[in-house]
Amino acid sequence: MPTPVTYFAAHHLGCDSCVSVTGSHNPPDYNGLKMVIAGTTLALHAIKQLRARAGSGDLRHGSGQRRTADVRAAYIERIISDVRLARPLKIVMDCGNGVAGAVAPELFKRLGCEIVPLFCEVDGHFPNHHPDPSKPENLADVIRALRDTDAEIGIAFDGDGDRLGVVTKDGEITYPDRQLMLFAADVLARVPGGQIIYDVKCTRLLAPWIRARGGEPLMWNTGHALVKAKLKETGAPLAGEMSGHTFFKERWYGFDDGLYAGARLLEILSRSPDACAPLKALPDSPSTPELNVKMAEGEPFALIDRLKAEGRFDGATERITIDGLRVEYPDGFGLARPSNTTPVVVLRFEADNPTALARIQDDFRATISAVWPGIELPF
């Protein structure tokens, strides 16, 4: 089952705690656990603390019971009872041989979609492409299928089904921070004044978009557990990350769910005679996708510490340090942050025009090379 079905089960069965065994979008030799205890997703120190307790035997003992339940049908029924498409849509759906293929085809057919399926057979060896829609190369098959069929829109899921990728008919990728614009406008129409949470990797166009629609933007740390914790703390109706995690509290439960996000997206798009028109109308500016710098274990955090302490960024107007280092300029931003899951530094850049984008990248290249000589950068 997709990870969000496990999250749903915790609500549906009334136990409020759950564990998924998942490698998410990582290569097939990786596995991990996503854990929710009493409604709180464990992250960072809480996971290390749990490991230390398990290793030392600091455990409580008692009696309990074991039972099995299949919540797949209840999950599908819950979504189709909530989401209504204004008209049928023909869509390309790429599950990347990830576990979303066990649920998504039936769900979207029940919603009224005609599907052009791509790689919906679950195969953890991922024989066709890697199930990570945040990487443009993994959406090439969706782009090709949109070109070769009369499907109106393309969607794709990551390996465990909690992230969404979107491609328009002309092959343009609508990245998740711009998807969040569409979701925010829809949610704020029903929740005036609501707070919308987004992570440090998101476009600088998002905050003014939210304010213009009466909402309150809040930038926060990257990481599904950290965003969920902030969502729970603030009571915000919606949150999203550049990686594709979207968290609906309005009409849903506040956990990240790529399948539900896809359903909510199609609900909005189906109101338009041209399904892609609402996406094409969103503001945009030149930007890079996520760029990764592989380093040795522990080095990404050391690099970011050096950048914060020693980095000089010409013409910068603000430094945001809630998660890594995001440097704001009058005409764009650059970001460097350590990944939460692998020894990688994640970089991202955006600007008003290509000239400004190149200048900001040059500034970051010179500054990073100065504090970490010999580093190989992907830009």
Foldseek 3Di string as FASTA:
>chain_A
DFPVVQVVCCVVVVVQKGKDWAPWLDALVDTDIFITDNNATDADPRVVVVVVCVVVVVDDDDDDDDDDDDCLVVVLVLLLVQFAFPAEFEEEEEALLAPVLVRQVVSNVSNRYHYDYHNSHRDSNSVPDGQQQLDLVVCPVRQVVLQVDVGAWYWGAHRRFLFIWIAGSNGRTLFFLLLVLVVLLVVCVVVAQFEEEEEPQHFPVNQVSNVVSRYHYDYAHDDQSRVLVVCVVPVGQWYDYRSGFIAGVVSDPGHGGHSSSVSVLSNVLSVDPRSCVVSVPGDDFDKDRKWKFADPPPVLVVLLVLCVVPFDFPQFDDWDVNFRTWTHHPFWIKGWGADSPHRIIIIMITGRHPVVRVVRVVSVVVRSCVSPPPGDGPD
